[in-house]
């Protein structure tokens, strides 16, 4: 009897030791709310206009924006095709945190070409603007990031890789056979490519980041804290946007929640996600309904569930196209308001 109880205790102890530890909740927003952030700056393009437009939030309302500069362009590219699309504003990180910001964008003026030609013999460069104050951006630079067998470079964006301590810059490209020098044949599917940089001037050799069986474009990445990330990608065939999560870095294992991971079934592109400045765990996702009225906002307080709700867009401008949003501090908010706000904003 005593031997039986002792054996049971030993077995129970053995099982307790051998059982794997319970995993932490997958990819919840881990970053703490930053009390220094008092608002948001959005950078977009409008319709097929070839320029950059800035929008400032009404204080810390993540869904209330008005145009800066009276709705007129903040920057007009002169290099390359002379037209920018898909602008993404990037916070400086590492030694540049709080000291520098970058804007990267697609080198494409669609009024000067066709969608077919822009994918066969489009620009292999990206636009880069940089600033130390969010006010003065200077003239853009044009940097070639892709190989000559690519047909285009679309929707560049960047994120700080904490493991590499460099910016990972990514974009969409499709490729042609090396023997098809004029790119007249059928290309392979569009894929996500990347390179690293420390200064947005010098880039490493491009490599493939995501190469699925069907064409994909418009990758957006959201750092959730530590080694956790969410990514949003447009499936060109289904014309939907899906979400995947990783808890082991940018090159870790990515999984989908909610079956296919689809957020909206069709007719959207240009995803961009940003964290709410005030509510821990809350994310805002912008999806570009390119066939109608541009960006519509969605919100989520539990990324594990992939349940996005259409947000109240009463104060979210219509006709904003594929762009980006960052949280900003009081001094940056006030400087933008003073420069281009015309007294229409409030903290």
C-alpha atoms as a PDB file:
ATOM      1  CA  UNK A   1       0.000   0.000   0.000  1.00  0.00           C
ATOM      2  CA  UNK A   2       2.801   2.374   0.960  1.00  0.00           C
ATOM      3  CA  UNK A   3       4.813   1.264  -2.104  1.00  0.00           C
ATOM      4  CA  UNK A   4       1.787   1.969  -4.343  1.00  0.00           C
ATOM      5  CA  UNK A   5       1.418   5.487  -2.930  1.00  0.00           C
ATOM      6  CA  UNK A   6       5.155   6.102  -3.311  1.00  0.00           C
ATOM      7  CA  UNK A   7       5.082   4.897  -6.937  1.00  0.00           C
ATOM      8  CA  UNK A   8       2.116   7.152  -7.712  1.00  0.00           C
ATOM      9  CA  UNK A   9       3.913  10.122  -6.169  1.00  0.00           C
ATOM     10  CA  UNK A  10       7.059   9.426  -8.194  1.00  0.00           C
ATOM     11  CA  UNK A  11       5.080   9.122 -11.432  1.00  0.00           C
ATOM     12  CA  UNK A  12       3.221  12.369 -10.709  1.00  0.00           C
ATOM     13  CA  UNK A  13       6.481  14.151  -9.962  1.00  0.00           C
ATOM     14  CA  UNK A  14       8.030  12.822 -13.166  1.00  0.00           C
ATOM     15  CA  UNK A  15       5.069  13.994 -15.244  1.00  0.00           C
ATOM     16  CA  UNK A  16       5.140  17.409 -13.581  1.00  0.00           C
ATOM     17  CA  UNK A  17       8.824  17.835 -14.426  1.00  0.00           C
ATOM     18  CA  UNK A  18       8.502  16.622 -18.035  1.00  0.00           C
ATOM     19  CA  UNK A  19       5.445  18.667 -18.997  1.00  0.00           C
ATOM     20  CA  UNK A  20       6.339  21.666 -21.197  1.00  0.00           C
ATOM     21  CA  UNK A  21       5.842  25.082 -19.697  1.00  0.00           C
ATOM     22  CA  UNK A  22       2.715  26.887 -20.783  1.00  0.00           C
ATOM     23  CA  UNK A  23       3.481  29.279 -23.666  1.00  0.00           C
ATOM     24  CA  UNK A  24       2.892  32.948 -23.130  1.00  0.00           C
ATOM     25  CA  UNK A  25      -0.102  34.476 -24.926  1.00  0.00           C
ATOM     26  CA  UNK A  26       0.813  34.814 -28.594  1.00  0.00           C
ATOM     27  CA  UNK A  27       1.750  38.210 -29.864  1.00  0.00           C
ATOM     28  CA  UNK A  28      -0.278  40.536 -27.712  1.00  0.00           C
ATOM     29  CA  UNK A  29       0.901  44.135 -27.878  1.00  0.00           C
ATOM     30  CA  UNK A  30       3.643  44.125 -25.276  1.00  0.00           C
ATOM     31  CA  UNK A  31       4.907  47.683 -25.475  1.00  0.00           C
ATOM     32  CA  UNK A  32       3.929  49.976 -22.665  1.00  0.00           C
ATOM     33  CA  UNK A  33       1.934  53.078 -23.436  1.00  0.00           C
ATOM     34  CA  UNK A  34       4.384  55.952 -23.894  1.00  0.00           C
ATOM     35  CA  UNK A  35       3.041  59.011 -22.000  1.00  0.00           C
ATOM     36  CA  UNK A  36       5.261  61.314 -24.087  1.00  0.00           C
ATOM     37  CA  UNK A  37       3.207  60.592 -27.212  1.00  0.00           C
ATOM     38  CA  UNK A  38       0.401  63.141 -27.544  1.00  0.00           C
ATOM     39  CA  UNK A  39      -0.732  62.635 -31.129  1.00  0.00           C
ATOM     40  CA  UNK A  40      -0.083  61.173 -34.573  1.00  0.00           C
ATOM     41  CA  UNK A  41       1.383  62.239 -37.902  1.00  0.00           C
ATOM     42  CA  UNK A  42       0.093  60.581 -41.068  1.00  0.00           C
ATOM     43  CA  UNK A  43       1.807  60.629 -44.484  1.00  0.00           C
ATOM     44  CA  UNK A  44      -0.216  59.615 -47.557  1.00  0.00           C
ATOM     45  CA  UNK A  45      -0.680  60.079 -51.260  1.00  0.00           C
ATOM     46  CA  UNK A  46      -4.033  61.125 -52.703  1.00  0.00           C
ATOM     47  CA  UNK A  47      -5.681  59.459 -55.679  1.00  0.00           C
ATOM     48  CA  UNK A  48      -3.071  59.402 -58.417  1.00  0.00           C
ATOM     49  CA  UNK A  49      -1.461  62.652 -57.313  1.00  0.00           C
ATOM     50  CA  UNK A  50       2.360  62.347 -57.468  1.00  0.00           C
ATOM     51  CA  UNK A  51       3.186  64.130 -54.172  1.00  0.00           C
ATOM     52  CA  UNK A  52       3.342  63.684 -50.389  1.00  0.00           C
ATOM     53  CA  UNK A  53       0.593  64.932 -48.066  1.00  0.00           C
ATOM     54  CA  UNK A  54       0.754  65.253 -44.271  1.00  0.00           C
ATOM     55  CA  UNK A  55      -2.143  64.863 -41.833  1.00  0.00           C
ATOM     56  CA  UNK A  56      -2.048  65.718 -38.126  1.00  0.00           C
ATOM     57  CA  UNK A  57      -4.271  64.189 -35.469  1.00  0.00           C
ATOM     58  CA  UNK A  58      -6.492  66.093 -33.091  1.00  0.00           C
ATOM     59  CA  UNK A  59      -4.482  65.280 -30.000  1.00  0.00           C
ATOM     60  CA  UNK A  60      -4.340  61.619 -29.076  1.00  0.00           C
ATOM     61  CA  UNK A  61      -7.422  60.605 -31.026  1.00  0.00           C
ATOM     62  CA  UNK A  62      -6.019  57.892 -33.297  1.00  0.00           C
ATOM     63  CA  UNK A  63      -8.903  58.262 -35.748  1.00  0.00           C
ATOM     64  CA  UNK A  64      -9.234  62.056 -36.004  1.00  0.00           C
ATOM     65  CA  UNK A  65      -7.011  63.754 -38.605  1.00  0.00           C
ATOM     66  CA  UNK A  66      -6.952  66.987 -40.591  1.00  0.00           C
ATOM     67  CA  UNK A  67      -4.703  67.938 -43.514  1.00  0.00           C
ATOM     68  CA  UNK A  68      -1.642  70.066 -42.877  1.00  0.00           C
ATOM     69  CA  UNK A  69      -0.607  72.905 -45.174  1.00  0.00           C
ATOM     70  CA  UNK A  70      -4.205  73.536 -46.147  1.00  0.00           C
ATOM     71  CA  UNK A  71      -4.332  70.204 -47.911  1.00  0.00           C
ATOM     72  CA  UNK A  72      -1.489  71.134 -50.283  1.00  0.00           C
ATOM     73  CA  UNK A  73       1.502  68.854 -50.844  1.00  0.00           C
ATOM     74  CA  UNK A  74       4.383  68.922 -48.372  1.00  0.00           C
ATOM     75  CA  UNK A  75       6.941  67.419 -50.775  1.00  0.00           C
ATOM     76  CA  UNK A  76       7.059  67.073 -54.549  1.00  0.00           C
ATOM     77  CA  UNK A  77       9.605  64.621 -55.981  1.00  0.00           C
ATOM     78  CA  UNK A  78      11.740  65.757 -58.877  1.00  0.00           C
ATOM     79  CA  UNK A  79      13.936  62.698 -59.427  1.00  0.00           C
ATOM     80  CA  UNK A  80      13.030  59.410 -61.102  1.00  0.00           C
ATOM     81  CA  UNK A  81       9.517  59.355 -62.483  1.00  0.00           C
ATOM     82  CA  UNK A  82       8.646  62.524 -60.579  1.00  0.00           C
ATOM     83  CA  UNK A  83       5.824  60.779 -58.717  1.00  0.00           C
ATOM     84  CA  UNK A  84       5.666  59.045 -55.330  1.00  0.00           C
ATOM     85  CA  UNK A  85       3.163  56.459 -54.104  1.00  0.00           C
ATOM     86  CA  UNK A  86       2.856  54.356 -50.945  1.00  0.00           C
ATOM     87  CA  UNK A  87       4.853  56.663 -48.637  1.00  0.00           C
ATOM     88  CA  UNK A  88       5.943  55.278 -45.287  1.00  0.00           C
ATOM     89  CA  UNK A  89       7.323  57.421 -42.485  1.00  0.00           C
ATOM     90  CA  UNK A  90       9.875  55.604 -40.336  1.00  0.00           C
ATOM     91  CA  UNK A  91      10.939  56.509 -36.815  1.00  0.00           C
ATOM     92  CA  UNK A  92      14.680  56.675 -36.319  1.00  0.00           C
ATOM     93  CA  UNK A  93      15.878  53.939 -33.982  1.00  0.00           C
ATOM     94  CA  UNK A  94      19.066  52.935 -32.203  1.00  0.00           C
ATOM     95  CA  UNK A  95      21.332  55.985 -32.001  1.00  0.00           C
ATOM     96  CA  UNK A  96      18.848  57.899 -34.187  1.00  0.00           C
ATOM     97  CA  UNK A  97      15.830  57.431 -31.913  1.00  0.00           C
ATOM     98  CA  UNK A  98      14.045  60.755 -31.459  1.00  0.00           C
ATOM     99  CA  UNK A  99      16.636  62.476 -33.649  1.00  0.00           C
ATOM    100  CA  UNK A 100      15.808  61.435 -37.192  1.00  0.00           C
ATOM    101  CA  UNK A 101      12.881  60.337 -39.321  1.00  0.00           C
ATOM    102  CA  UNK A 102      12.765  58.883 -42.823  1.00  0.00           C
ATOM    103  CA  UNK A 103      10.112  58.672 -45.521  1.00  0.00           C
ATOM    104  CA  UNK A 104      10.427  55.994 -48.197  1.00  0.00           C
ATOM    105  CA  UNK A 105       8.129  55.632 -51.187  1.00  0.00           C
ATOM    106  CA  UNK A 106       7.475  54.011 -54.549  1.00  0.00           C
ATOM    107  CA  UNK A 107       9.027  55.767 -57.547  1.00  0.00           C
ATOM    108  CA  UNK A 108       5.949  55.760 -59.795  1.00  0.00           C
ATOM    109  CA  UNK A 109       3.861  58.402 -61.512  1.00  0.00           C
ATOM    110  CA  UNK A 110       1.092  56.294 -63.000  1.00  0.00           C
ATOM    111  CA  UNK A 111      -0.097  59.199 -65.166  1.00  0.00           C
ATOM    112  CA  UNK A 112       3.078  58.762 -67.233  1.00  0.00           C
ATOM    113  CA  UNK A 113       2.814  55.007 -67.793  1.00  0.00           C
ATOM    114  CA  UNK A 114       0.478  52.004 -67.604  1.00  0.00           C
ATOM    115  CA  UNK A 115       0.031  49.376 -64.894  1.00  0.00           C
ATOM    116  CA  UNK A 116       1.421  46.694 -67.207  1.00  0.00           C
ATOM    117  CA  UNK A 117       4.525  48.709 -68.130  1.00  0.00           C
ATOM    118  CA  UNK A 118       5.109  49.763 -64.515  1.00  0.00           C
ATOM    119  CA  UNK A 119       5.387  46.090 -63.511  1.00  0.00           C
ATOM    120  CA  UNK A 120       7.632  45.089 -66.439  1.00  0.00           C
ATOM    121  CA  UNK A 121      10.014  48.005 -66.751  1.00  0.00           C
ATOM    122  CA  UNK A 122       9.208  50.072 -63.689  1.00  0.00           C
ATOM    123  CA  UNK A 123      11.632  51.773 -61.347  1.00  0.00           C
ATOM    124  CA  UNK A 124      13.987  49.584 -59.300  1.00  0.00           C
ATOM    125  CA  UNK A 125      14.670  52.504 -56.968  1.00  0.00           C
ATOM    126  CA  UNK A 126      12.975  53.898 -53.879  1.00  0.00           C
ATOM    127  CA  UNK A 127      12.537  57.497 -52.838  1.00  0.00           C
ATOM    128  CA  UNK A 128      14.081  58.503 -49.511  1.00  0.00           C
ATOM    129  CA  UNK A 129      13.516  61.729 -47.592  1.00  0.00           C
ATOM    130  CA  UNK A 130      15.064  62.372 -44.177  1.00  0.00           C
ATOM    131  CA  UNK A 131      14.500  64.937 -41.448  1.00  0.00           C
ATOM    132  CA  UNK A 132      15.723  65.791 -37.970  1.00  0.00           C
ATOM    133  CA  UNK A 133      12.570  67.671 -36.960  1.00  0.00           C
ATOM    134  CA  UNK A 134       9.627  66.408 -39.105  1.00  0.00           C
ATOM    135  CA  UNK A 135       9.489  69.883 -40.671  1.00  0.00           C
ATOM    136  CA  UNK A 136      12.492  70.173 -42.966  1.00  0.00           C
ATOM    137  CA  UNK A 137      12.766  67.282 -45.416  1.00  0.00           C
ATOM    138  CA  UNK A 138      14.997  68.665 -48.131  1.00  0.00           C
ATOM    139  CA  UNK A 139      15.215  67.064 -51.555  1.00  0.00           C
ATOM    140  CA  UNK A 140      14.568  63.374 -51.984  1.00  0.00           C
ATOM    141  CA  UNK A 141      17.272  60.881 -52.907  1.00  0.00           C
ATOM    142  CA  UNK A 142      16.705  57.966 -55.252  1.00  0.00           C
ATOM    143  CA  UNK A 143      18.346  54.685 -54.273  1.00  0.00           C
ATOM    144  CA  UNK A 144      18.432  51.534 -56.389  1.00  0.00           C
ATOM    145  CA  UNK A 145      17.661  48.543 -54.184  1.00  0.00           C
ATOM    146  CA  UNK A 146      16.751  45.740 -56.612  1.00  0.00           C
ATOM    147  CA  UNK A 147      18.373  43.607 -59.317  1.00  0.00           C
ATOM    148  CA  UNK A 148      17.864  44.201 -63.047  1.00  0.00           C
ATOM    149  CA  UNK A 149      15.797  41.031 -63.525  1.00  0.00           C
ATOM    150  CA  UNK A 150      13.048  42.582 -61.392  1.00  0.00           C
ATOM    151  CA  UNK A 151      10.197  44.412 -63.078  1.00  0.00           C
ATOM    152  CA  UNK A 152       9.498  46.945 -60.348  1.00  0.00           C
ATOM    153  CA  UNK A 153       9.939  47.952 -56.713  1.00  0.00           C
ATOM    154  CA  UNK A 154       6.632  48.771 -55.022  1.00  0.00           C
ATOM    155  CA  UNK A 155       5.489  49.852 -51.560  1.00  0.00           C
ATOM    156  CA  UNK A 156       8.803  50.111 -49.698  1.00  0.00           C
ATOM    157  CA  UNK A 157       8.650  50.278 -45.931  1.00  0.00           C
ATOM    158  CA  UNK A 158      11.126  49.824 -43.098  1.00  0.00           C
ATOM    159  CA  UNK A 159      11.265  48.563 -39.539  1.00  0.00           C
ATOM    160  CA  UNK A 160      14.053  48.493 -36.979  1.00  0.00           C
ATOM    161  CA  UNK A 161      15.351  44.972 -36.440  1.00  0.00           C
ATOM    162  CA  UNK A 162      16.383  44.812 -32.758  1.00  0.00           C
ATOM    163  CA  UNK A 163      18.450  41.670 -33.351  1.00  0.00           C
ATOM    164  CA  UNK A 164      20.404  43.104 -36.286  1.00  0.00           C
ATOM    165  CA  UNK A 165      20.460  46.670 -34.943  1.00  0.00           C
ATOM    166  CA  UNK A 166      19.729  47.934 -38.450  1.00  0.00           C
ATOM    167  CA  UNK A 167      16.700  48.969 -40.480  1.00  0.00           C
ATOM    168  CA  UNK A 168      15.109  46.169 -42.487  1.00  0.00           C
ATOM    169  CA  UNK A 169      13.696  47.731 -45.669  1.00  0.00           C
ATOM    170  CA  UNK A 170      11.178  45.658 -47.625  1.00  0.00           C
ATOM    171  CA  UNK A 171       9.236  46.011 -50.872  1.00  0.00           C
ATOM    172  CA  UNK A 172       7.340  44.028 -53.532  1.00  0.00           C
ATOM    173  CA  UNK A 173       8.929  42.848 -56.791  1.00  0.00           C
ATOM    174  CA  UNK A 174       8.237  40.359 -59.546  1.00  0.00           C
ATOM    175  CA  UNK A 175      11.004  38.793 -61.626  1.00  0.00           C
ATOM    176  CA  UNK A 176      11.691  37.825 -65.227  1.00  0.00           C
ATOM    177  CA  UNK A 177      14.058  35.260 -66.695  1.00  0.00           C
ATOM    178  CA  UNK A 178      17.623  36.549 -67.002  1.00  0.00           C
ATOM    179  CA  UNK A 179      17.391  35.844 -70.744  1.00  0.00           C
ATOM    180  CA  UNK A 180      14.239  37.998 -71.032  1.00  0.00           C
ATOM    181  CA  UNK A 181      16.109  41.281 -70.861  1.00  0.00           C
ATOM    182  CA  UNK A 182      13.217  43.403 -72.131  1.00  0.00           C
ATOM    183  CA  UNK A 183      10.778  41.723 -69.709  1.00  0.00           C
ATOM    184  CA  UNK A 184       8.287  40.900 -72.454  1.00  0.00           C
ATOM    185  CA  UNK A 185       7.458  37.384 -71.240  1.00  0.00           C
ATOM    186  CA  UNK A 186       5.500  36.135 -68.268  1.00  0.00           C
ATOM    187  CA  UNK A 187       7.026  36.987 -64.886  1.00  0.00           C
ATOM    188  CA  UNK A 188       6.949  34.943 -61.725  1.00  0.00           C
ATOM    189  CA  UNK A 189       4.579  35.904 -58.911  1.00  0.00           C
ATOM    190  CA  UNK A 190       5.211  39.109 -57.020  1.00  0.00           C
ATOM    191  CA  UNK A 191       7.074  38.493 -53.765  1.00  0.00           C
ATOM    192  CA  UNK A 192       8.379  40.431 -50.776  1.00  0.00           C
ATOM    193  CA  UNK A 193      12.066  41.342 -50.878  1.00  0.00           C
ATOM    194  CA  UNK A 194      14.308  43.048 -48.324  1.00  0.00           C
ATOM    195  CA  UNK A 195      17.683  44.595 -47.610  1.00  0.00           C
ATOM    196  CA  UNK A 196      19.331  46.096 -44.532  1.00  0.00           C
ATOM    197  CA  UNK A 197      20.606  49.623 -44.082  1.00  0.00           C
ATOM    198  CA  UNK A 198      21.947  51.852 -41.330  1.00  0.00           C
ATOM    199  CA  UNK A 199      21.584  55.150 -43.160  1.00  0.00           C
ATOM    200  CA  UNK A 200      19.082  54.677 -46.039  1.00  0.00           C
ATOM    201  CA  UNK A 201      21.950  55.383 -48.414  1.00  0.00           C
ATOM    202  CA  UNK A 202      23.824  52.094 -48.444  1.00  0.00           C
ATOM    203  CA  UNK A 203      21.861  48.851 -48.669  1.00  0.00           C
ATOM    204  CA  UNK A 204      22.840  45.209 -48.490  1.00  0.00           C
ATOM    205  CA  UNK A 205      22.242  42.851 -51.418  1.00  0.00           C
ATOM    206  CA  UNK A 206      18.489  42.227 -51.765  1.00  0.00           C
ATOM    207  CA  UNK A 207      17.058  38.885 -50.676  1.00  0.00           C
ATOM    208  CA  UNK A 208      13.631  37.269 -50.598  1.00  0.00           C
ATOM    209  CA  UNK A 209      11.638  37.664 -47.392  1.00  0.00           C
ATOM    210  CA  UNK A 210       8.288  36.097 -48.393  1.00  0.00           C
ATOM    211  CA  UNK A 211       7.912  33.989 -51.559  1.00  0.00           C
ATOM    212  CA  UNK A 212       4.471  32.317 -51.697  1.00  0.00           C
ATOM    213  CA  UNK A 213       2.848  30.455 -54.583  1.00  0.00           C
ATOM    214  CA  UNK A 214       0.580  33.371 -55.492  1.00  0.00           C
ATOM    215  CA  UNK A 215       1.467  37.034 -56.004  1.00  0.00           C
ATOM    216  CA  UNK A 216       1.649  39.172 -52.876  1.00  0.00           C
ATOM    217  CA  UNK A 217       2.398  42.870 -52.367  1.00  0.00           C
ATOM    218  CA  UNK A 218       2.171  45.576 -49.694  1.00  0.00           C
ATOM    219  CA  UNK A 219       3.791  44.089 -46.600  1.00  0.00           C
ATOM    220  CA  UNK A 220       3.313  46.032 -43.357  1.00  0.00           C
ATOM    221  CA  UNK A 221       5.046  45.054 -40.110  1.00  0.00           C
ATOM    222  CA  UNK A 222       4.090  45.983 -36.546  1.00  0.00           C
ATOM    223  CA  UNK A 223       6.529  45.386 -33.687  1.00  0.00           C
ATOM    224  CA  UNK A 224       4.588  44.059 -30.719  1.00  0.00           C
ATOM    225  CA  UNK A 225       7.445  44.046 -28.241  1.00  0.00           C
ATOM    226  CA  UNK A 226      10.454  41.822 -27.535  1.00  0.00           C
ATOM    227  CA  UNK A 227      10.605  39.262 -30.392  1.00  0.00           C
ATOM    228  CA  UNK A 228       6.927  39.470 -31.335  1.00  0.00           C
ATOM    229  CA  UNK A 229       5.688  40.964 -34.620  1.00  0.00           C
ATOM    230  CA  UNK A 230       2.521  41.072 -36.687  1.00  0.00           C
ATOM    231  CA  UNK A 231       2.603  41.319 -40.453  1.00  0.00           C
ATOM    232  CA  UNK A 232      -0.099  42.226 -42.962  1.00  0.00           C
ATOM    233  CA  UNK A 233       0.126  41.284 -46.657  1.00  0.00           C
ATOM    234  CA  UNK A 234      -2.098  41.709 -49.688  1.00  0.00           C
ATOM    235  CA  UNK A 235      -2.897  38.579 -51.703  1.00  0.00           C
ATOM    236  CA  UNK A 236      -3.071  39.860 -55.283  1.00  0.00           C
ATOM    237  CA  UNK A 237      -5.215  36.945 -56.495  1.00  0.00           C
ATOM    238  CA  UNK A 238      -7.869  37.159 -53.784  1.00  0.00           C
ATOM    239  CA  UNK A 239      -7.392  40.952 -53.422  1.00  0.00           C
ATOM    240  CA  UNK A 240      -7.599  40.526 -49.660  1.00  0.00           C
ATOM    241  CA  UNK A 241      -5.264  41.346 -46.778  1.00  0.00           C
ATOM    242  CA  UNK A 242      -4.267  38.680 -44.268  1.00  0.00           C
ATOM    243  CA  UNK A 243      -2.418  38.785 -40.950  1.00  0.00           C
ATOM    244  CA  UNK A 244       0.337  36.536 -39.586  1.00  0.00           C
ATOM    245  CA  UNK A 245       2.066  36.534 -36.188  1.00  0.00           C
ATOM    246  CA  UNK A 246       5.588  35.649 -35.064  1.00  0.00           C
ATOM    247  CA  UNK A 247       6.945  35.402 -31.535  1.00  0.00           C
ATOM    248  CA  UNK A 248      10.498  34.580 -32.575  1.00  0.00           C
ATOM    249  CA  UNK A 249      11.582  37.518 -34.677  1.00  0.00           C
ATOM    250  CA  UNK A 250      11.266  38.815 -38.211  1.00  0.00           C
ATOM    251  CA  UNK A 251      12.687  35.580 -39.599  1.00  0.00           C
ATOM    252  CA  UNK A 252      10.845  33.295 -37.214  1.00  0.00           C
ATOM    253  CA  UNK A 253       7.795  31.086 -37.672  1.00  0.00           C
ATOM    254  CA  UNK A 254       4.774  33.016 -38.914  1.00  0.00           C
ATOM    255  CA  UNK A 255       1.299  31.660 -38.215  1.00  0.00           C
ATOM    256  CA  UNK A 256      -2.199  32.776 -39.173  1.00  0.00           C
ATOM    257  CA  UNK A 257      -5.177  32.978 -36.875  1.00  0.00           C
ATOM    258  CA  UNK A 258      -8.781  32.690 -37.933  1.00  0.00           C
ATOM    259  CA  UNK A 259      -8.265  30.166 -40.730  1.00  0.00           C
ATOM    260  CA  UNK A 260      -6.859  32.007 -43.745  1.00  0.00           C
ATOM    261  CA  UNK A 261      -5.953  35.012 -41.616  1.00  0.00           C
ATOM    262  CA  UNK A 262      -8.000  37.205 -43.947  1.00  0.00           C
ATOM    263  CA  UNK A 263      -9.198  40.466 -42.437  1.00  0.00           C
ATOM    264  CA  UNK A 264     -11.323  41.724 -45.339  1.00  0.00           C
ATOM    265  CA  UNK A 265     -12.363  39.273 -48.010  1.00  0.00           C
ATOM    266  CA  UNK A 266     -11.627  41.285 -51.152  1.00  0.00           C
ATOM    267  CA  UNK A 267     -11.054  44.679 -52.723  1.00  0.00           C
ATOM    268  CA  UNK A 268      -8.400  46.055 -50.351  1.00  0.00           C
ATOM    269  CA  UNK A 269      -4.654  46.715 -50.375  1.00  0.00           C
ATOM    270  CA  UNK A 270      -2.004  48.899 -48.762  1.00  0.00           C
ATOM    271  CA  UNK A 271      -2.342  47.743 -45.124  1.00  0.00           C
ATOM    272  CA  UNK A 272      -0.701  49.865 -42.457  1.00  0.00           C
ATOM    273  CA  UNK A 273      -0.915  49.196 -38.708  1.00  0.00           C
ATOM    274  CA  UNK A 274       0.010  51.373 -35.746  1.00  0.00           C
ATOM    275  CA  UNK A 275      -0.364  51.108 -31.966  1.00  0.00           C
ATOM    276  CA  UNK A 276      -2.780  53.276 -30.032  1.00  0.00           C
ATOM    277  CA  UNK A 277      -0.910  55.843 -27.920  1.00  0.00           C
ATOM    278  CA  UNK A 278      -3.272  55.526 -24.957  1.00  0.00           C
ATOM    279  CA  UNK A 279      -4.721  52.015 -24.835  1.00  0.00           C
ATOM    280  CA  UNK A 280      -2.267  49.144 -24.227  1.00  0.00           C
ATOM    281  CA  UNK A 281      -2.857  46.248 -26.601  1.00  0.00           C
ATOM    282  CA  UNK A 282      -4.953  48.265 -29.064  1.00  0.00           C
ATOM    283  CA  UNK A 283      -3.928  48.440 -32.717  1.00  0.00           C
ATOM    284  CA  UNK A 284      -5.331  50.428 -35.621  1.00  0.00           C
ATOM    285  CA  UNK A 285      -5.196  48.954 -39.116  1.00  0.00           C
ATOM    286  CA  UNK A 286      -5.725  51.024 -42.260  1.00  0.00           C
ATOM    287  CA  UNK A 287      -6.931  49.225 -45.394  1.00  0.00           C
ATOM    288  CA  UNK A 288      -6.990  50.954 -48.767  1.00  0.00           C
ATOM    289  CA  UNK A 289     -10.284  50.426 -50.606  1.00  0.00           C
ATOM    290  CA  UNK A 290      -8.616  51.606 -53.773  1.00  0.00           C
ATOM    291  CA  UNK A 291     -11.753  51.236 -55.877  1.00  0.00           C
ATOM    292  CA  UNK A 292     -13.838  53.622 -53.761  1.00  0.00           C
ATOM    293  CA  UNK A 293     -12.857  56.036 -51.010  1.00  0.00           C
ATOM    294  CA  UNK A 294      -9.333  55.078 -49.972  1.00  0.00           C
ATOM    295  CA  UNK A 295      -8.356  54.173 -46.440  1.00  0.00           C
ATOM    296  CA  UNK A 296     -10.820  52.870 -43.884  1.00  0.00           C
ATOM    297  CA  UNK A 297      -9.686  52.269 -40.278  1.00  0.00           C
ATOM    298  CA  UNK A 298     -10.179  49.090 -38.261  1.00  0.00           C
ATOM    299  CA  UNK A 299      -9.341  48.419 -34.598  1.00  0.00           C
ATOM    300  CA  UNK A 300      -8.350  45.370 -32.585  1.00  0.00           C
ATOM    301  CA  UNK A 301      -7.610  44.835 -28.881  1.00  0.00           C
ATOM    302  CA  UNK A 302      -6.621  41.161 -29.189  1.00  0.00           C
ATOM    303  CA  UNK A 303      -4.400  40.330 -32.133  1.00  0.00           C
ATOM    304  CA  UNK A 304      -4.435  36.658 -31.145  1.00  0.00           C
ATOM    305  CA  UNK A 305      -8.087  36.498 -32.206  1.00  0.00           C
ATOM    306  CA  UNK A 306      -7.651  38.421 -35.489  1.00  0.00           C
ATOM    307  CA  UNK A 307     -11.000  40.090 -34.900  1.00  0.00           C
ATOM    308  CA  UNK A 308     -10.921  43.538 -36.488  1.00  0.00           C
ATOM    309  CA  UNK A 309     -13.828  45.930 -36.190  1.00  0.00           C
ATOM    310  CA  UNK A 310     -14.620  48.755 -38.556  1.00  0.00           C
ATOM    311  CA  UNK A 311     -13.931  51.983 -36.685  1.00  0.00           C
ATOM    312  CA  UNK A 312     -15.922  55.203 -36.541  1.00  0.00           C
ATOM    313  CA  UNK A 313     -14.518  57.250 -39.400  1.00  0.00           C
ATOM    314  CA  UNK A 314     -16.513  60.414 -38.871  1.00  0.00           C
ATOM    315  CA  UNK A 315     -13.275  62.365 -38.383  1.00  0.00           C
ATOM    316  CA  UNK A 316     -11.032  60.181 -40.507  1.00  0.00           C
ATOM    317  CA  UNK A 317     -10.502  61.826 -43.920  1.00  0.00           C
ATOM    318  CA  UNK A 318     -11.699  60.093 -47.050  1.00  0.00           C
ATOM    319  CA  UNK A 319      -9.621  59.431 -50.158  1.00  0.00           C
ATOM    320  CA  UNK A 320      -6.328  58.914 -48.321  1.00  0.00           C
ATOM    321  CA  UNK A 321      -4.298  56.316 -50.185  1.00  0.00           C
ATOM    322  CA  UNK A 322      -1.640  53.820 -49.065  1.00  0.00           C
ATOM    323  CA  UNK A 323       0.450  55.619 -46.462  1.00  0.00           C
ATOM    324  CA  UNK A 324       1.563  55.506 -42.836  1.00  0.00           C
ATOM    325  CA  UNK A 325       1.090  56.889 -39.310  1.00  0.00           C
ATOM    326  CA  UNK A 326       3.463  57.375 -36.366  1.00  0.00           C
ATOM    327  CA  UNK A 327       2.953  58.573 -32.796  1.00  0.00           C
ATOM    328  CA  UNK A 328       4.612  61.911 -31.987  1.00  0.00           C
ATOM    329  CA  UNK A 329       5.649  63.878 -28.906  1.00  0.00           C
ATOM    330  CA  UNK A 330       4.277  67.253 -27.801  1.00  0.00           C
ATOM    331  CA  UNK A 331       7.208  69.252 -29.198  1.00  0.00           C
ATOM    332  CA  UNK A 332       6.922  67.596 -32.616  1.00  0.00           C
ATOM    333  CA  UNK A 333       3.115  67.961 -32.632  1.00  0.00           C
ATOM    334  CA  UNK A 334       3.384  71.662 -31.754  1.00  0.00           C
ATOM    335  CA  UNK A 335       6.071  72.275 -34.387  1.00  0.00           C
ATOM    336  CA  UNK A 336       3.933  70.685 -37.105  1.00  0.00           C
ATOM    337  CA  UNK A 337       0.871  72.621 -35.984  1.00  0.00           C
ATOM    338  CA  UNK A 338       2.820  75.878 -35.911  1.00  0.00           C
ATOM    339  CA  UNK A 339       4.315  75.310 -39.359  1.00  0.00           C
ATOM    340  CA  UNK A 340       1.326  74.002 -41.302  1.00  0.00           C
ATOM    341  CA  UNK A 341      -1.664  73.772 -38.963  1.00  0.00           C
ATOM    342  CA  UNK A 342      -3.407  77.121 -39.545  1.00  0.00           C
ATOM    343  CA  UNK A 343      -4.782  76.988 -36.002  1.00  0.00           C
ATOM    344  CA  UNK A 344      -7.259  74.212 -36.762  1.00  0.00           C
ATOM    345  CA  UNK A 345      -5.845  71.591 -34.380  1.00  0.00           C
ATOM    346  CA  UNK A 346      -6.096  71.000 -30.653  1.00  0.00           C
ATOM    347  CA  UNK A 347      -4.198  68.869 -28.171  1.00  0.00           C
END
